[in-house]
C-alpha atoms as a PDB file:
ATOM      1  CA  MET A   1     -20.147  -1.971  28.442  1.00  0.00           C
ATOM      2  CA  SER A   2     -18.256  -1.262  25.232  1.00  0.00           C
ATOM      3  CA  PRO A   3     -17.052  -4.185  23.226  1.00  0.00           C
ATOM      4  CA  ALA A   4     -13.761  -5.129  23.710  1.00  0.00           C
ATOM      5  CA  VAL A   5     -11.470  -4.652  20.841  1.00  0.00           C
ATOM      6  CA  ALA A   6      -9.123  -7.189  19.743  1.00  0.00           C
ATOM      7  CA  SER A   7      -5.931  -6.558  18.912  1.00  0.00           C
ATOM      8  CA  ALA A   8      -2.851  -8.631  17.847  1.00  0.00           C
ATOM      9  CA  GLY A   9       0.731  -6.908  18.029  1.00  0.00           C
ATOM     10  CA  PRO A  10       1.944  -4.304  15.934  1.00  0.00           C
ATOM     11  CA  ALA A  11       3.616  -6.337  13.461  1.00  0.00           C
ATOM     12  CA  GLU A  12       0.211  -7.876  12.562  1.00  0.00           C
ATOM     13  CA  ASP A  13      -1.967  -5.064  12.842  1.00  0.00           C
ATOM     14  CA  ALA A  14       0.851  -3.070  10.383  1.00  0.00           C
ATOM     15  CA  ASN A  15       0.863  -5.930   7.934  1.00  0.00           C
ATOM     16  CA  ALA A  16      -2.924  -6.586   7.690  1.00  0.00           C
ATOM     17  CA  ALA A  17      -3.058  -2.566   6.873  1.00  0.00           C
ATOM     18  CA  VAL A  18      -0.743  -3.444   3.879  1.00  0.00           C
ATOM     19  CA  ASP A  19      -3.188  -6.099   3.072  1.00  0.00           C
ATOM     20  CA  ARG A  20      -5.995  -3.614   3.380  1.00  0.00           C
ATOM     21  CA  TRP A  21      -4.137  -1.543   0.757  1.00  0.00           C
ATOM     22  CA  SER A  22      -3.318  -4.353  -1.326  1.00  0.00           C
ATOM     23  CA  ALA A  23      -6.986  -5.151  -1.568  1.00  0.00           C
ATOM     24  CA  ALA A  24      -7.861  -1.641  -2.161  1.00  0.00           C
ATOM     25  CA  TYR A  25      -5.945  -1.679  -5.150  1.00  0.00           C
ATOM     26  CA  SER A  26      -7.125  -4.475  -6.650  1.00  0.00           C
ATOM     27  CA  GLY A  27     -10.577  -3.610  -6.004  1.00  0.00           C
ATOM     28  CA  ASN A  28      -9.591  -0.650  -8.393  1.00  0.00           C
ATOM     29  CA  ASP A  29     -11.453   2.030  -5.883  1.00  0.00           C
ATOM     30  CA  PRO A  30      -8.944   5.138  -5.770  1.00  0.00           C
ATOM     31  CA  ASP A  31     -10.796   6.376  -2.678  1.00  0.00           C
ATOM     32  CA  LEU A  32     -10.653   3.262  -0.848  1.00  0.00           C
ATOM     33  CA  ILE A  33      -7.033   3.311  -1.848  1.00  0.00           C
ATOM     34  CA  ALA A  34      -6.586   6.714  -0.595  1.00  0.00           C
ATOM     35  CA  ARG A  35      -8.480   5.944   2.751  1.00  0.00           C
ATOM     36  CA  GLN A  36      -5.828   3.396   3.395  1.00  0.00           C
ATOM     37  CA  TYR A  37      -3.309   6.426   4.112  1.00  0.00           C
ATOM     38  CA  TRP A  38      -3.211   8.982   6.911  1.00  0.00           C
ATOM     39  CA  PRO A  39      -4.282  12.790   5.673  1.00  0.00           C
ATOM     40  CA  ASP A  40      -1.126  13.918   5.738  1.00  0.00           C
ATOM     41  CA  ALA A  41       0.821  10.597   4.346  1.00  0.00           C
ATOM     42  CA  ILE A  42       3.491  10.695   1.558  1.00  0.00           C
ATOM     43  CA  LEU A  43       3.946   8.434  -1.592  1.00  0.00           C
ATOM     44  CA  LEU A  44       6.116   7.907  -3.899  1.00  0.00           C
ATOM     45  CA  GLY A  45       4.755   6.279  -6.457  1.00  0.00           C
ATOM     46  CA  THR A  46       6.108   3.382  -8.706  1.00  0.00           C
ATOM     47  CA  VAL A  47       5.135   5.308 -11.976  1.00  0.00           C
ATOM     48  CA  SER A  48       5.025   9.032 -10.795  1.00  0.00           C
ATOM     49  CA  PRO A  49       7.640  11.720 -11.033  1.00  0.00           C
ATOM     50  CA  VAL A  50       6.389  13.487  -8.210  1.00  0.00           C
ATOM     51  CA  ILE A  51       5.632  13.445  -4.724  1.00  0.00           C
ATOM     52  CA  SER A  52       1.713  12.911  -3.626  1.00  0.00           C
ATOM     53  CA  GLU A  53       1.577  14.349  -0.263  1.00  0.00           C
ATOM     54  CA  GLY A  54      -2.019  13.864   1.263  1.00  0.00           C
ATOM     55  CA  THR A  55      -5.840  12.253   0.524  1.00  0.00           C
ATOM     56  CA  GLN A  56      -6.687  14.201  -2.298  1.00  0.00           C
ATOM     57  CA  ALA A  57      -3.168  13.634  -3.964  1.00  0.00           C
ATOM     58  CA  ILE A  58      -2.774  10.265  -3.232  1.00  0.00           C
ATOM     59  CA  ALA A  59      -6.182   9.847  -4.841  1.00  0.00           C
ATOM     60  CA  THR A  60      -5.292  11.589  -8.034  1.00  0.00           C
ATOM     61  CA  TYR A  61      -2.378   9.226  -8.469  1.00  0.00           C
ATOM     62  CA  PHE A  62      -4.655   6.107  -8.191  1.00  0.00           C
ATOM     63  CA  ALA A  63      -7.659   7.452 -10.152  1.00  0.00           C
ATOM     64  CA  GLN A  64      -5.974   5.760 -13.269  1.00  0.00           C
ATOM     65  CA  VAL A  65      -6.988   2.546 -11.557  1.00  0.00           C
ATOM     66  CA  LYS A  66     -10.558   2.811 -11.004  1.00  0.00           C
ATOM     67  CA  GLY A  67     -12.214   0.140 -13.352  1.00  0.00           C
ATOM     68  CA  THR A  68      -9.230  -1.401 -15.166  1.00  0.00           C
ATOM     69  CA  GLY A  69      -8.990  -4.844 -13.659  1.00  0.00           C
ATOM     70  CA  ASN A  70      -5.437  -4.372 -11.872  1.00  0.00           C
ATOM     71  CA  LYS A  71      -4.495  -6.409  -9.386  1.00  0.00           C
ATOM     72  CA  ASN A  72      -1.978  -5.944  -6.882  1.00  0.00           C
ATOM     73  CA  SER A  73      -0.261  -9.302  -4.812  1.00  0.00           C
ATOM     74  CA  ILE A  74       2.476  -9.162  -2.829  1.00  0.00           C
ATOM     75  CA  GLU A  75       4.768 -11.868  -2.785  1.00  0.00           C
ATOM     76  CA  GLU A  76       7.433 -11.076  -0.445  1.00  0.00           C
ATOM     77  CA  ARG A  77       7.713  -9.010   3.006  1.00  0.00           C
ATOM     78  CA  ARG A  78       9.952  -8.306   6.027  1.00  0.00           C
ATOM     79  CA  THR A  79       8.389  -6.615   8.718  1.00  0.00           C
ATOM     80  CA  ILE A  80      10.099  -4.322  10.989  1.00  0.00           C
ATOM     81  CA  PRO A  81       8.336  -3.042  14.536  1.00  0.00           C
ATOM     82  CA  ILE A  82       9.758   0.179  15.828  1.00  0.00           C
ATOM     83  CA  ASN A  83       7.723   0.114  18.725  1.00  0.00           C
ATOM     84  CA  ASP A  84       4.256  -0.181  19.466  1.00  0.00           C
ATOM     85  CA  ARG A  85       3.018   2.593  16.814  1.00  0.00           C
ATOM     86  CA  ALA A  86       4.872   2.200  14.087  1.00  0.00           C
ATOM     87  CA  VAL A  87       6.101  -0.635  12.217  1.00  0.00           C
ATOM     88  CA  VAL A  88       8.091  -0.997   8.681  1.00  0.00           C
ATOM     89  CA  VAL A  89       6.891  -3.180   5.785  1.00  0.00           C
ATOM     90  CA  ALA A  90       9.438  -3.889   3.111  1.00  0.00           C
ATOM     91  CA  GLY A  91       9.029  -6.203   0.325  1.00  0.00           C
ATOM     92  CA  PHE A  92       8.206  -7.297  -3.298  1.00  0.00           C
ATOM     93  CA  TYR A  93       4.620  -7.355  -4.948  1.00  0.00           C
ATOM     94  CA  THR A  94       3.913  -7.109  -8.719  1.00  0.00           C
ATOM     95  CA  PHE A  95       0.834  -4.941  -9.944  1.00  0.00           C
ATOM     96  CA  THR A  96      -0.685  -6.820 -12.905  1.00  0.00           C
ATOM     97  CA  ARG A  97      -2.001  -4.083 -15.102  1.00  0.00           C
ATOM     98  CA  MET A  98      -4.469  -4.471 -18.243  1.00  0.00           C
ATOM     99  CA  VAL A  99      -2.485  -3.272 -21.347  1.00  0.00           C
ATOM    100  CA  GLU A 100      -4.923  -3.319 -24.629  1.00  0.00           C
ATOM    101  CA  GLY A 101      -7.369  -5.944 -23.329  1.00  0.00           C
ATOM    102  CA  LYS A 102      -4.275  -8.026 -21.900  1.00  0.00           C
ATOM    103  CA  ALA A 103      -2.499  -9.031 -18.678  1.00  0.00           C
ATOM    104  CA  THR A 104       0.722  -7.407 -18.025  1.00  0.00           C
ATOM    105  CA  PRO A 105       2.873  -8.046 -14.665  1.00  0.00           C
ATOM    106  CA  ALA A 106       5.107  -5.128 -13.402  1.00  0.00           C
ATOM    107  CA  PRO A 107       7.153  -6.995 -10.425  1.00  0.00           C
ATOM    108  CA  SER A 108       7.687  -3.984  -7.911  1.00  0.00           C
ATOM    109  CA  ARG A 109       9.407  -3.214  -4.546  1.00  0.00           C
ATOM    110  CA  PHE A 110       7.744  -1.222  -1.685  1.00  0.00           C
ATOM    111  CA  THR A 111       8.540   0.186   1.513  1.00  0.00           C
ATOM    112  CA  MET A 112       5.534   0.919   3.813  1.00  0.00           C
ATOM    113  CA  LEU A 113       5.087   2.637   7.401  1.00  0.00           C
ATOM    114  CA  VAL A 114       2.674   2.052   8.762  1.00  0.00           C
ATOM    115  CA  THR A 115       1.229   4.015  12.080  1.00  0.00           C
ATOM    116  CA  ARG A 116      -1.320   3.403  14.748  1.00  0.00           C
ATOM    117  CA  GLN A 117      -3.388   6.916  15.723  1.00  0.00           C
ATOM    118  CA  GLY A 118      -5.947   5.192  18.529  1.00  0.00           C
ATOM    119  CA  ASP A 119      -6.503   1.906  17.752  1.00  0.00           C
ATOM    120  CA  GLU A 120      -6.180   2.514  13.654  1.00  0.00           C
ATOM    121  CA  TRP A 121      -3.752   1.678  11.443  1.00  0.00           C
ATOM    122  CA  ARG A 122      -2.909   3.412   8.329  1.00  0.00           C
ATOM    123  CA  ILE A 123       0.125   3.781   6.097  1.00  0.00           C
ATOM    124  CA  ALA A 124       2.084   6.999   7.249  1.00  0.00           C
ATOM    125  CA  HIS A 125       4.491   6.661   4.009  1.00  0.00           C
ATOM    126  CA  HIS A 126       4.634   4.686   0.412  1.00  0.00           C
ATOM    127  CA  HIS A 127       7.882   4.384  -1.494  1.00  0.00           C
ATOM    128  CA  SER A 128       7.312   1.778  -4.553  1.00  0.00           C
ATOM    129  CA  SER A 129       9.656   1.452  -7.584  1.00  0.00           C
ATOM    130  CA  PRO A 130      10.086  -1.545 -10.649  1.00  0.00           C
ATOM    131  CA  HIS A 131      11.765  -4.401  -8.974  1.00  0.00           C
ATOM    132  CA  VAL A 132      15.489  -4.202 -10.998  1.00  0.00           C
ATOM    133  CA  GLN A 133      15.466  -8.034 -12.059  1.00  0.00           C
ATOM    134  CA  PRO A 134      18.709  -9.934 -12.043  1.00  0.00           C
ATOM    135  CA  LYS A 135      20.461 -10.073 -15.440  1.00  0.00           C
ATOM    136  CA  ASN A 136      20.791 -14.092 -16.998  1.00  0.00           C
END
């Protein structure tokens, strides 16, 4: 007998994948971060002038976080199930980057297309950009 696989709905599964990405970023492991994406995924990184496409390009983009102590926290998100294999998650998160030994917050916004292949959910597309703050 095979063990039963417990599955939530697509929205819950996709959000769990986004949370795994955030935890991997906060763990400062570029290879683990890259494994949260499908091999043909596309990343429009917050501080990148180019499109990072595929596992190696995504790992290279995140190489800068190794051992930094940088963190990511998701503050707000909206989840839009497209079907049982694709979900869009959009929201706001904050990168806390260590700059000259000081924790420096970088509020950002994101959109991720999270898709399922078999029983696995990963990121197919990720766009991140600085969060424009309201003028006082």
